[in-house]
C-alpha atoms as a PDB file:
ATOM      1  CA  MET A   1       0.119  -0.064   0.173  1.00  0.00           C
ATOM      2  CA  ARG A   2       1.377   3.015  -0.864  1.00  0.00           C
ATOM      3  CA  LEU A   3       0.286   6.467   1.091  1.00  0.00           C
ATOM      4  CA  ARG A   4       1.260   9.856   0.094  1.00  0.00           C
ATOM      5  CA  GLN A   5       1.896  12.193   3.238  1.00  0.00           C
ATOM      6  CA  GLU A   6       0.255  15.666   2.483  1.00  0.00           C
ATOM      7  CA  PRO A   7       2.820  18.419   3.678  1.00  0.00           C
ATOM      8  CA  GLY A   8       1.564  20.163   7.146  1.00  0.00           C
ATOM      9  CA  MET A   9      -1.119  17.961   7.831  1.00  0.00           C
ATOM     10  CA  ARG A  10      -0.709  15.740  10.911  1.00  0.00           C
ATOM     11  CA  ASN A  11      -1.949  11.878  10.306  1.00  0.00           C
ATOM     12  CA  GLN A  12      -3.712  13.243   6.979  1.00  0.00           C
ATOM     13  CA  SER A  13      -2.650  10.436   4.315  1.00  0.00           C
ATOM     14  CA  ALA A  14      -3.852   9.967   0.939  1.00  0.00           C
ATOM     15  CA  LEU A  15      -3.984   6.295  -0.508  1.00  0.00           C
ATOM     16  CA  THR A  16      -2.923   5.919  -4.268  1.00  0.00           C
ATOM     17  CA  THR A  17      -3.535   2.362  -4.544  1.00  0.00           C
ATOM     18  CA  PHE A  18      -6.234  -0.034  -3.614  1.00  0.00           C
ATOM     19  CA  ILE A  19      -6.173  -3.924  -4.041  1.00  0.00           C
ATOM     20  CA  LEU A  20      -9.325  -5.687  -4.913  1.00  0.00           C
ATOM     21  CA  LEU A  21     -10.044  -9.171  -3.698  1.00  0.00           C
ATOM     22  CA  GLY A  22     -12.621 -10.432  -6.591  1.00  0.00           C
ATOM     23  CA  LEU A  23     -14.471 -13.546  -6.280  1.00  0.00           C
ATOM     24  CA  THR A  24     -12.261 -16.547  -5.255  1.00  0.00           C
ATOM     25  CA  GLU A  25      -8.760 -17.304  -5.065  1.00  0.00           C
ATOM     26  CA  ASP A  26      -9.185 -20.832  -6.357  1.00  0.00           C
ATOM     27  CA  PRO A  27      -7.351 -20.850  -9.481  1.00  0.00           C
ATOM     28  CA  GLN A  28      -9.556 -23.002 -11.728  1.00  0.00           C
ATOM     29  CA  LEU A  29     -12.754 -21.268 -10.318  1.00  0.00           C
ATOM     30  CA  GLN A  30     -10.984 -17.848 -11.588  1.00  0.00           C
ATOM     31  CA  ASN A  31     -10.389 -19.317 -14.920  1.00  0.00           C
ATOM     32  CA  LEU A  32     -14.063 -20.459 -15.076  1.00  0.00           C
ATOM     33  CA  ILE A  33     -15.434 -17.077 -14.068  1.00  0.00           C
ATOM     34  CA  PHE A  34     -12.853 -15.481 -16.515  1.00  0.00           C
ATOM     35  CA  ILE A  35     -14.626 -17.698 -19.450  1.00  0.00           C
ATOM     36  CA  PHE A  36     -17.947 -17.033 -18.229  1.00  0.00           C
ATOM     37  CA  LEU A  37     -17.751 -13.120 -17.918  1.00  0.00           C
ATOM     38  CA  LEU A  38     -15.414 -13.029 -21.260  1.00  0.00           C
ATOM     39  CA  ILE A  39     -18.478 -14.782 -22.907  1.00  0.00           C
ATOM     40  CA  THR A  40     -21.504 -12.554 -21.156  1.00  0.00           C
ATOM     41  CA  TYR A  41     -19.499  -9.554 -22.064  1.00  0.00           C
ATOM     42  CA  MET A  42     -18.737 -10.166 -25.434  1.00  0.00           C
ATOM     43  CA  LEU A  43     -22.542 -11.524 -26.320  1.00  0.00           C
ATOM     44  CA  SER A  44     -23.828  -8.138 -24.002  1.00  0.00           C
ATOM     45  CA  VAL A  45     -22.340  -5.654 -26.307  1.00  0.00           C
ATOM     46  CA  ILE A  46     -22.906  -7.522 -29.742  1.00  0.00           C
ATOM     47  CA  GLY A  47     -26.400  -8.131 -28.603  1.00  0.00           C
ATOM     48  CA  ASN A  48     -26.862  -4.133 -27.442  1.00  0.00           C
ATOM     49  CA  MET A  49     -24.957  -2.717 -30.129  1.00  0.00           C
ATOM     50  CA  THR A  50     -27.055  -4.759 -32.694  1.00  0.00           C
ATOM     51  CA  ILE A  51     -30.075  -3.330 -31.033  1.00  0.00           C
ATOM     52  CA  ILE A  52     -28.618   0.415 -31.518  1.00  0.00           C
ATOM     53  CA  PHE A  53     -27.572  -0.387 -35.091  1.00  0.00           C
ATOM     54  CA  LEU A  54     -31.117  -1.836 -36.065  1.00  0.00           C
ATOM     55  CA  THR A  55     -32.990   1.277 -34.105  1.00  0.00           C
ATOM     56  CA  LEU A  56     -30.339   3.548 -35.990  1.00  0.00           C
ATOM     57  CA  VAL A  57     -31.223   2.291 -39.780  1.00  0.00           C
ATOM     58  CA  ASP A  58     -34.718   0.705 -39.662  1.00  0.00           C
ATOM     59  CA  SER A  59     -37.171   2.823 -40.838  1.00  0.00           C
ATOM     60  CA  HIS A  60     -40.068   1.193 -38.819  1.00  0.00           C
ATOM     61  CA  LEU A  61     -38.198   1.846 -35.340  1.00  0.00           C
ATOM     62  CA  LYS A  62     -38.330   5.728 -35.467  1.00  0.00           C
ATOM     63  CA  THR A  63     -40.776   5.291 -32.472  1.00  0.00           C
ATOM     64  CA  ALA A  64     -40.285   6.769 -29.171  1.00  0.00           C
ATOM     65  CA  MET A  65     -40.169   3.232 -27.616  1.00  0.00           C
ATOM     66  CA  TYR A  66     -37.025   2.427 -30.100  1.00  0.00           C
ATOM     67  CA  PHE A  67     -35.475   5.403 -29.327  1.00  0.00           C
ATOM     68  CA  PHE A  68     -35.794   4.491 -25.486  1.00  0.00           C
ATOM     69  CA  LEU A  69     -34.978   1.276 -26.255  1.00  0.00           C
ATOM     70  CA  GLN A  70     -31.569   2.512 -27.986  1.00  0.00           C
ATOM     71  CA  ASN A  71     -30.396   4.645 -24.968  1.00  0.00           C
ATOM     72  CA  PHE A  72     -31.141   2.068 -22.652  1.00  0.00           C
ATOM     73  CA  SER A  73     -28.560  -0.461 -25.000  1.00  0.00           C
ATOM     74  CA  PHE A  74     -26.196   2.001 -24.936  1.00  0.00           C
ATOM     75  CA  LEU A  75     -26.653   2.477 -20.900  1.00  0.00           C
ATOM     76  CA  GLU A  76     -26.070  -1.250 -20.739  1.00  0.00           C
ATOM     77  CA  ILE A  77     -22.679  -1.596 -22.741  1.00  0.00           C
ATOM     78  CA  SER A  78     -21.306   1.610 -20.945  1.00  0.00           C
ATOM     79  CA  PHE A  79     -22.268  -0.146 -17.109  1.00  0.00           C
ATOM     80  CA  THR A  80     -20.788  -3.465 -18.469  1.00  0.00           C
ATOM     81  CA  SER A  81     -17.782  -1.685 -19.820  1.00  0.00           C
ATOM     82  CA  ALA A  82     -17.285   0.374 -16.583  1.00  0.00           C
ATOM     83  CA  CYS A  83     -16.246  -2.706 -14.516  1.00  0.00           C
ATOM     84  CA  ILE A  84     -16.346  -5.932 -16.333  1.00  0.00           C
ATOM     85  CA  PRO A  85     -13.147  -5.226 -18.573  1.00  0.00           C
ATOM     86  CA  ARG A  86     -11.068  -4.069 -15.309  1.00  0.00           C
ATOM     87  CA  PHE A  87     -12.466  -7.239 -13.522  1.00  0.00           C
ATOM     88  CA  LEU A  88     -11.004  -9.375 -16.774  1.00  0.00           C
ATOM     89  CA  TYR A  89      -7.629  -8.018 -16.986  1.00  0.00           C
ATOM     90  CA  SER A  90      -6.927  -8.676 -13.254  1.00  0.00           C
ATOM     91  CA  LEU A  91      -8.219 -12.185 -13.820  1.00  0.00           C
ATOM     92  CA  SER A  92      -5.900 -12.770 -16.518  1.00  0.00           C
ATOM     93  CA  THR A  93      -3.189 -10.923 -15.100  1.00  0.00           C
ATOM     94  CA  GLY A  94      -3.473 -11.670 -11.452  1.00  0.00           C
ATOM     95  CA  ASP A  95      -3.124  -7.861 -10.642  1.00  0.00           C
ATOM     96  CA  ARG A  96      -5.346  -6.692  -8.282  1.00  0.00           C
ATOM     97  CA  THR A  97      -4.077  -3.538  -7.490  1.00  0.00           C
ATOM     98  CA  ILE A  98      -6.156  -0.375  -8.958  1.00  0.00           C
ATOM     99  CA  THR A  99      -4.918   3.320  -8.610  1.00  0.00           C
ATOM    100  CA  TYR A 100      -6.967   5.380  -6.202  1.00  0.00           C
ATOM    101  CA  ASP A 101      -7.929   7.755  -9.129  1.00  0.00           C
ATOM    102  CA  ALA A 102      -9.145   4.611 -11.414  1.00  0.00           C
ATOM    103  CA  CYS A 103     -11.434   3.353  -8.421  1.00  0.00           C
ATOM    104  CA  VAL A 104     -13.265   6.920  -7.872  1.00  0.00           C
ATOM    105  CA  SER A 105     -13.807   6.718 -11.562  1.00  0.00           C
ATOM    106  CA  GLN A 106     -15.270   3.100 -11.740  1.00  0.00           C
ATOM    107  CA  LEU A 107     -17.167   3.940  -8.915  1.00  0.00           C
ATOM    108  CA  PHE A 108     -19.114   7.240 -10.804  1.00  0.00           C
ATOM    109  CA  PHE A 109     -19.290   5.953 -13.933  1.00  0.00           C
ATOM    110  CA  THR A 110     -21.248   2.458 -12.408  1.00  0.00           C
ATOM    111  CA  ASP A 111     -23.450   4.800 -10.332  1.00  0.00           C
ATOM    112  CA  LEU A 112     -23.886   7.127 -13.220  1.00  0.00           C
ATOM    113  CA  PHE A 113     -25.239   4.539 -15.892  1.00  0.00           C
ATOM    114  CA  GLY A 114     -26.867   2.057 -13.035  1.00  0.00           C
ATOM    115  CA  VAL A 115     -28.935   5.041 -11.682  1.00  0.00           C
ATOM    116  CA  THR A 116     -29.774   6.548 -15.055  1.00  0.00           C
ATOM    117  CA  GLU A 117     -31.008   3.009 -16.250  1.00  0.00           C
ATOM    118  CA  PHE A 118     -33.626   2.873 -13.551  1.00  0.00           C
ATOM    119  CA  PHE A 119     -34.702   6.352 -14.686  1.00  0.00           C
ATOM    120  CA  LEU A 120     -34.884   5.350 -18.024  1.00  0.00           C
ATOM    121  CA  LEU A 121     -36.987   2.421 -17.262  1.00  0.00           C
ATOM    122  CA  ALA A 122     -39.046   4.466 -15.456  1.00  0.00           C
ATOM    123  CA  THR A 123     -39.554   6.819 -18.612  1.00  0.00           C
ATOM    124  CA  MET A 124     -40.050   3.742 -20.819  1.00  0.00           C
ATOM    125  CA  SER A 125     -42.985   2.737 -18.674  1.00  0.00           C
ATOM    126  CA  TYR A 126     -44.543   6.017 -19.073  1.00  0.00           C
ATOM    127  CA  ASP A 127     -44.420   5.634 -22.713  1.00  0.00           C
ATOM    128  CA  ARG A 128     -46.132   2.293 -22.851  1.00  0.00           C
ATOM    129  CA  TYR A 129     -48.705   4.111 -20.947  1.00  0.00           C
ATOM    130  CA  VAL A 130     -49.174   6.817 -23.440  1.00  0.00           C
ATOM    131  CA  ALA A 131     -48.861   4.163 -26.388  1.00  0.00           C
ATOM    132  CA  ILE A 132     -51.934   1.977 -24.797  1.00  0.00           C
ATOM    133  CA  CYS A 133     -54.075   4.426 -22.780  1.00  0.00           C
ATOM    134  CA  LYS A 134     -53.694   7.316 -25.153  1.00  0.00           C
ATOM    135  CA  PRO A 135     -53.279   6.080 -28.345  1.00  0.00           C
ATOM    136  CA  LEU A 136     -54.429   8.892 -30.204  1.00  0.00           C
ATOM    137  CA  HIS A 137     -52.373  11.395 -28.879  1.00  0.00           C
ATOM    138  CA  TYR A 138     -49.021   9.201 -28.526  1.00  0.00           C
ATOM    139  CA  MET A 139     -47.427  10.971 -31.723  1.00  0.00           C
ATOM    140  CA  THR A 140     -48.063  14.280 -30.389  1.00  0.00           C
ATOM    141  CA  ILE A 141     -47.027  13.367 -26.015  1.00  0.00           C
ATOM    142  CA  MET A 142     -43.869  11.084 -27.156  1.00  0.00           C
ATOM    143  CA  ASN A 143     -42.685  13.678 -30.037  1.00  0.00           C
ATOM    144  CA  HIS A 144     -38.638  13.599 -30.495  1.00  0.00           C
ATOM    145  CA  MET A 145     -38.262  16.906 -28.587  1.00  0.00           C
ATOM    146  CA  ALA A 146     -40.060  15.328 -25.523  1.00  0.00           C
ATOM    147  CA  CYS A 147     -37.951  11.995 -25.976  1.00  0.00           C
ATOM    148  CA  LYS A 148     -34.884  13.942 -25.930  1.00  0.00           C
ATOM    149  CA  ARG A 149     -36.240  15.962 -22.832  1.00  0.00           C
ATOM    150  CA  PHE A 150     -36.861  12.503 -20.935  1.00  0.00           C
ATOM    151  CA  ILE A 151     -33.639  11.494 -21.794  1.00  0.00           C
ATOM    152  CA  LEU A 152     -31.925  14.499 -20.895  1.00  0.00           C
ATOM    153  CA  GLY A 153     -34.166  14.551 -17.668  1.00  0.00           C
ATOM    154  CA  CYS A 154     -32.879  11.095 -16.589  1.00  0.00           C
ATOM    155  CA  TRP A 155     -29.213  12.124 -16.710  1.00  0.00           C
ATOM    156  CA  THR A 156     -29.208  15.532 -14.852  1.00  0.00           C
ATOM    157  CA  ILE A 157     -31.636  13.977 -12.095  1.00  0.00           C
ATOM    158  CA  THR A 158     -28.817  11.053 -11.464  1.00  0.00           C
ATOM    159  CA  LEU A 159     -26.006  12.942 -11.533  1.00  0.00           C
ATOM    160  CA  LEU A 160     -28.110  15.694  -9.074  1.00  0.00           C
ATOM    161  CA  ILE A 161     -28.704  12.814  -6.520  1.00  0.00           C
ATOM    162  CA  ILE A 162     -25.441  10.891  -6.986  1.00  0.00           C
ATOM    163  CA  PHE A 163     -23.350  13.746  -6.389  1.00  0.00           C
ATOM    164  CA  PRO A 164     -23.339  14.558  -2.937  1.00  0.00           C
ATOM    165  CA  PRO A 165     -22.426  10.970  -1.712  1.00  0.00           C
ATOM    166  CA  LEU A 166     -19.528  10.729  -4.070  1.00  0.00           C
ATOM    167  CA  THR A 167     -18.344  14.181  -3.417  1.00  0.00           C
ATOM    168  CA  LEU A 168     -18.398  13.199   0.324  1.00  0.00           C
ATOM    169  CA  GLY A 169     -16.984  10.195  -0.252  1.00  0.00           C
ATOM    170  CA  LEU A 170     -13.339  12.125  -1.881  1.00  0.00           C
ATOM    171  CA  ASN A 171     -12.856  13.203   1.691  1.00  0.00           C
ATOM    172  CA  LEU A 172     -12.520   9.538   3.069  1.00  0.00           C
ATOM    173  CA  GLU A 173      -9.348   8.517   4.714  1.00  0.00           C
ATOM    174  CA  PHE A 174      -7.970   5.253   4.656  1.00  0.00           C
ATOM    175  CA  CYS A 175      -5.444   4.551   7.560  1.00  0.00           C
ATOM    176  CA  ASP A 176      -4.942   0.730   8.321  1.00  0.00           C
ATOM    177  CA  SER A 177      -6.103  -1.296   5.171  1.00  0.00           C
ATOM    178  CA  ASN A 178      -6.472  -0.725   1.067  1.00  0.00           C
ATOM    179  CA  VAL A 179      -8.277  -4.483   0.657  1.00  0.00           C
ATOM    180  CA  ILE A 180     -11.444  -4.129  -0.849  1.00  0.00           C
ATOM    181  CA  ASP A 181     -13.862  -7.477  -0.415  1.00  0.00           C
ATOM    182  CA  HIS A 182     -15.152  -6.965  -4.129  1.00  0.00           C
ATOM    183  CA  PHE A 183     -14.149  -7.359  -7.876  1.00  0.00           C
ATOM    184  CA  VAL A 184     -15.231  -3.578  -8.199  1.00  0.00           C
ATOM    185  CA  CYS A 185     -14.949  -0.351  -6.724  1.00  0.00           C
ATOM    186  CA  ASP A 186     -18.157  -0.421  -4.770  1.00  0.00           C
ATOM    187  CA  ALA A 187     -19.631   1.773  -2.211  1.00  0.00           C
ATOM    188  CA  ASN A 188     -20.341  -0.502   0.633  1.00  0.00           C
ATOM    189  CA  PRO A 189     -16.968  -2.733   1.184  1.00  0.00           C
ATOM    190  CA  ILE A 190     -15.019   1.217   0.602  1.00  0.00           C
ATOM    191  CA  LEU A 191     -17.084   2.675   3.152  1.00  0.00           C
ATOM    192  CA  LYS A 192     -16.158  -0.461   5.519  1.00  0.00           C
ATOM    193  CA  ILE A 193     -11.888  -0.021   5.349  1.00  0.00           C
ATOM    194  CA  SER A 194     -12.379   3.991   5.647  1.00  0.00           C
ATOM    195  CA  CYS A 195     -11.007   5.139   9.275  1.00  0.00           C
ATOM    196  CA  THR A 196     -13.129   8.310   8.693  1.00  0.00           C
ATOM    197  CA  ASP A 197     -16.460   8.212  10.798  1.00  0.00           C
ATOM    198  CA  THR A 198     -18.787   7.161   7.428  1.00  0.00           C
ATOM    199  CA  TRP A 199     -22.265   7.607   9.317  1.00  0.00           C
ATOM    200  CA  PHE A 200     -23.621  10.282   7.792  1.00  0.00           C
ATOM    201  CA  ILE A 201     -22.168   8.841   4.180  1.00  0.00           C
ATOM    202  CA  GLU A 202     -23.880   5.860   4.568  1.00  0.00           C
ATOM    203  CA  GLN A 203     -27.120   7.312   5.791  1.00  0.00           C
ATOM    204  CA  LEU A 204     -27.030   9.414   2.535  1.00  0.00           C
ATOM    205  CA  VAL A 205     -26.115   6.752   0.553  1.00  0.00           C
ATOM    206  CA  ILE A 206     -29.340   4.575   1.896  1.00  0.00           C
ATOM    207  CA  VAL A 207     -31.416   7.899   1.364  1.00  0.00           C
ATOM    208  CA  CYS A 208     -30.398   8.611  -2.347  1.00  0.00           C
ATOM    209  CA  SER A 209     -30.968   4.534  -3.010  1.00  0.00           C
ATOM    210  CA  VAL A 210     -34.345   4.522  -1.266  1.00  0.00           C
ATOM    211  CA  VAL A 211     -35.298   7.938  -3.651  1.00  0.00           C
ATOM    212  CA  ILE A 212     -34.069   6.685  -6.639  1.00  0.00           C
ATOM    213  CA  PHE A 213     -35.753   2.986  -6.260  1.00  0.00           C
ATOM    214  CA  ILE A 214     -39.243   4.513  -4.834  1.00  0.00           C
ATOM    215  CA  MET A 215     -39.352   7.271  -7.450  1.00  0.00           C
ATOM    216  CA  THR A 216     -38.816   4.877 -10.366  1.00  0.00           C
ATOM    217  CA  LEU A 217     -40.723   1.810  -9.084  1.00  0.00           C
ATOM    218  CA  VAL A 218     -43.817   4.420  -8.383  1.00  0.00           C
ATOM    219  CA  CYS A 219     -43.647   5.250 -11.985  1.00  0.00           C
ATOM    220  CA  VAL A 220     -43.426   1.878 -13.040  1.00  0.00           C
ATOM    221  CA  VAL A 221     -46.019   0.519 -10.761  1.00  0.00           C
ATOM    222  CA  LEU A 222     -48.651   3.660 -11.577  1.00  0.00           C
ATOM    223  CA  SER A 223     -48.197   2.879 -15.326  1.00  0.00           C
ATOM    224  CA  TYR A 224     -48.561  -0.333 -15.217  1.00  0.00           C
ATOM    225  CA  ILE A 225     -52.009  -0.154 -13.357  1.00  0.00           C
ATOM    226  CA  TYR A 226     -53.510   2.043 -15.863  1.00  0.00           C
ATOM    227  CA  ILE A 227     -52.395   0.304 -18.432  1.00  0.00           C
ATOM    228  CA  MET A 228     -53.896  -2.953 -17.213  1.00  0.00           C
ATOM    229  CA  ARG A 229     -57.143  -1.407 -16.577  1.00  0.00           C
ATOM    230  CA  THR A 230     -56.926  -0.383 -20.202  1.00  0.00           C
ATOM    231  CA  ILE A 231     -55.913  -3.698 -21.339  1.00  0.00           C
ATOM    232  CA  LEU A 232     -58.579  -5.582 -19.945  1.00  0.00           C
ATOM    233  CA  ARG A 233     -61.126  -3.266 -21.302  1.00  0.00           C
ATOM    234  CA  PHE A 234     -60.297  -4.497 -24.462  1.00  0.00           C
ATOM    235  CA  PRO A 235     -63.115  -6.055 -26.271  1.00  0.00           C
ATOM    236  CA  SER A 236     -61.175  -8.644 -28.154  1.00  0.00           C
ATOM    237  CA  ALA A 237     -58.708 -11.217 -26.601  1.00  0.00           C
ATOM    238  CA  GLN A 238     -56.398 -10.381 -29.720  1.00  0.00           C
ATOM    239  CA  GLN A 239     -56.546  -7.004 -29.095  1.00  0.00           C
ATOM    240  CA  ARG A 240     -55.429  -7.769 -25.616  1.00  0.00           C
ATOM    241  CA  LYS A 241     -53.123 -10.061 -26.180  1.00  0.00           C
ATOM    242  CA  LYS A 242     -51.595  -7.776 -28.722  1.00  0.00           C
ATOM    243  CA  ALA A 243     -51.612  -4.730 -26.146  1.00  0.00           C
ATOM    244  CA  PHE A 244     -49.851  -7.069 -23.481  1.00  0.00           C
ATOM    245  CA  SER A 245     -46.966  -8.021 -26.266  1.00  0.00           C
ATOM    246  CA  THR A 246     -45.408  -4.770 -26.311  1.00  0.00           C
ATOM    247  CA  CYS A 247     -45.123  -4.496 -23.009  1.00  0.00           C
ATOM    248  CA  SER A 248     -44.011  -8.016 -22.100  1.00  0.00           C
ATOM    249  CA  SER A 249     -40.327  -7.367 -22.800  1.00  0.00           C
ATOM    250  CA  HIS A 250     -40.393  -4.070 -20.444  1.00  0.00           C
ATOM    251  CA  ILE A 251     -42.171  -6.061 -18.081  1.00  0.00           C
ATOM    252  CA  ILE A 252     -39.204  -8.673 -17.681  1.00  0.00           C
ATOM    253  CA  VAL A 253     -36.289  -6.359 -17.642  1.00  0.00           C
ATOM    254  CA  VAL A 254     -37.914  -4.318 -15.194  1.00  0.00           C
ATOM    255  CA  SER A 255     -38.837  -7.230 -13.413  1.00  0.00           C
ATOM    256  CA  ILE A 256     -34.774  -8.201 -13.159  1.00  0.00           C
ATOM    257  CA  THR A 257     -33.654  -5.092 -12.494  1.00  0.00           C
ATOM    258  CA  TYR A 258     -35.874  -4.236  -9.612  1.00  0.00           C
ATOM    259  CA  GLY A 259     -35.688  -7.780  -8.307  1.00  0.00           C
ATOM    260  CA  SER A 260     -31.617  -7.561  -8.068  1.00  0.00           C
ATOM    261  CA  CYS A 261     -32.055  -4.629  -5.987  1.00  0.00           C
ATOM    262  CA  ILE A 262     -34.447  -5.779  -3.923  1.00  0.00           C
ATOM    263  CA  PHE A 263     -32.169  -8.775  -2.782  1.00  0.00           C
ATOM    264  CA  VAL A 264     -29.643  -5.926  -1.713  1.00  0.00           C
ATOM    265  CA  TYR A 265     -32.223  -4.454   0.823  1.00  0.00           C
ATOM    266  CA  ILE A 266     -33.329  -7.631   2.168  1.00  0.00           C
ATOM    267  CA  LYS A 267     -30.338  -7.607   5.028  1.00  0.00           C
ATOM    268  CA  PRO A 268     -28.646 -10.801   5.044  1.00  0.00           C
ATOM    269  CA  SER A 269     -25.997 -11.285   7.773  1.00  0.00           C
ATOM    270  CA  ALA A 270     -22.672  -9.817   8.427  1.00  0.00           C
ATOM    271  CA  LYS A 271     -21.248 -12.875   6.896  1.00  0.00           C
ATOM    272  CA  ASP A 272     -23.129 -13.443   3.753  1.00  0.00           C
ATOM    273  CA  GLU A 273     -23.923  -9.926   3.250  1.00  0.00           C
ATOM    274  CA  MET A 274     -20.660  -9.295   0.997  1.00  0.00           C
ATOM    275  CA  ALA A 275     -20.959 -12.537  -0.693  1.00  0.00           C
ATOM    276  CA  VAL A 276     -24.791 -11.329  -1.611  1.00  0.00           C
ATOM    277  CA  ASN A 277     -23.417  -8.127  -2.990  1.00  0.00           C
ATOM    278  CA  LYS A 278     -21.297  -9.922  -5.097  1.00  0.00           C
ATOM    279  CA  GLY A 279     -23.681 -12.480  -6.472  1.00  0.00           C
ATOM    280  CA  VAL A 280     -25.878  -9.350  -7.272  1.00  0.00           C
ATOM    281  CA  THR A 281     -23.453  -7.188  -8.894  1.00  0.00           C
ATOM    282  CA  ILE A 282     -22.082  -9.954 -11.368  1.00  0.00           C
ATOM    283  CA  LEU A 283     -26.091 -10.731 -12.011  1.00  0.00           C
ATOM    284  CA  THR A 284     -26.328  -6.609 -12.779  1.00  0.00           C
ATOM    285  CA  THR A 285     -23.307  -6.227 -14.503  1.00  0.00           C
ATOM    286  CA  SER A 286     -23.011  -9.337 -16.710  1.00  0.00           C
ATOM    287  CA  ILE A 287     -25.803 -11.326 -17.044  1.00  0.00           C
ATOM    288  CA  SER A 288     -28.670  -8.634 -17.322  1.00  0.00           C
ATOM    289  CA  PRO A 289     -26.999  -6.518 -19.913  1.00  0.00           C
ATOM    290  CA  MET A 290     -26.521  -9.782 -21.634  1.00  0.00           C
ATOM    291  CA  LEU A 291     -30.106 -10.851 -21.378  1.00  0.00           C
ATOM    292  CA  ASN A 292     -31.788  -7.724 -22.111  1.00  0.00           C
ATOM    293  CA  PRO A 293     -31.371  -7.376 -25.775  1.00  0.00           C
ATOM    294  CA  PHE A 294     -32.508 -10.984 -26.305  1.00  0.00           C
ATOM    295  CA  ILE A 295     -35.732 -10.481 -24.537  1.00  0.00           C
ATOM    296  CA  TYR A 296     -36.370  -7.506 -26.647  1.00  0.00           C
ATOM    297  CA  THR A 297     -35.592  -9.147 -29.919  1.00  0.00           C
ATOM    298  CA  LEU A 298     -37.082 -12.364 -29.122  1.00  0.00           C
ATOM    299  CA  ARG A 299     -40.256 -10.883 -27.653  1.00  0.00           C
ATOM    300  CA  ASN A 300     -40.769  -8.132 -30.162  1.00  0.00           C
ATOM    301  CA  LYS A 301     -42.274  -8.865 -33.330  1.00  0.00           C
ATOM    302  CA  GLN A 302     -40.518  -5.120 -35.435  1.00  0.00           C
ATOM    303  CA  VAL A 303     -36.973  -5.875 -33.987  1.00  0.00           C
ATOM    304  CA  LYS A 304     -36.986  -9.535 -35.620  1.00  0.00           C
ATOM    305  CA  GLN A 305     -38.495  -7.942 -38.398  1.00  0.00           C
ATOM    306  CA  ALA A 306     -35.555  -5.374 -38.793  1.00  0.00           C
ATOM    307  CA  PHE A 307     -32.446  -8.122 -37.902  1.00  0.00           C
ATOM    308  CA  ASN A 308     -33.934 -10.252 -40.400  1.00  0.00           C
ATOM    309  CA  GLU A 309     -34.096  -7.709 -43.108  1.00  0.00           C
ATOM    310  CA  ILE A 310     -30.643  -7.064 -42.152  1.00  0.00           C
ATOM    311  CA  ILE A 311     -29.496 -10.262 -42.441  1.00  0.00           C
ATOM    312  CA  LYS A 312     -31.196 -10.965 -45.429  1.00  0.00           C
ATOM    313  CA  ARG A 313     -29.390  -8.029 -47.094  1.00  0.00           C
ATOM    314  CA  ILE A 314     -25.899  -9.037 -45.572  1.00  0.00           C
ATOM    315  CA  LEU A 315     -26.397 -12.118 -47.493  1.00  0.00           C
ATOM    316  CA  LEU A 316     -27.356 -10.989 -50.774  1.00  0.00           C
ATOM    317  CA  LEU A 317     -24.394  -8.297 -51.074  1.00  0.00           C
ATOM    318  CA  SER A 318     -22.048 -11.628 -49.496  1.00  0.00           C
ATOM    319  CA  LYS A 319     -23.403 -13.256 -52.853  1.00  0.00           C
ATOM    320  CA  HIS A 320     -22.727 -10.090 -55.100  1.00  0.00           C
END
């Protein structure tokens, strides 16, 4: 551990390097984790890049729904890229050290992209509400300018919420340990090894997390209550099935995202808490970003059609 002494400050030392313990000490298990994470990361990037590409080039995918999906795919790539490549490097080289600046950057970007996803999921649920409950006004309410404002709003609210605890976290001191019991720079294990009184920051992190969770969940739940009420009023079963199919992909993604968060907030014993947090982090940083493109592609006719058309074009070009 390298500490640099600040001039003129008694007992004031600043950490320059952390050590990330990772998931396991077992070399064989590390190899399996490396292969698993490499495959899920590659599938996640390819899948989400495919959705971004399809929504950009296909004229049928120019509605608000696909504009939000395009942004969601960008966030998924950014979120998983903020932590998985660094862990893959650590597994392949055995180098577990990470600089203080790199650790702070990783914490900032994972929080930024992760929290923005929650607000975007809430926005996407509102979009589905307008599409099903107010179909005649959909194009007017969810016009391109309104969509851009929604996206800007998601990023702005996220920055306003995460900025105070992150700023306070920059003043933490680390006296005895620089070992983080995690594979990413996460707030909880960092606070645990600080020799500063972290009570206020911990409470602030909890408040911010609850505000994000409740705000977005209320929006999602209310949207789907109105959606379900409207769908149930449709006269034919075919209409109900079609309306529900437009929401099914979003419902699955929302369930995975909020479900993983609920696991974190159901307090396990102190012994199991970090193991649960690591497991949930693996789910949210590698498995969810990989699954989401498949959920949206396999359960959405328009995306499937756009994908099939692109494949046909590529095959025709290769023949010529």
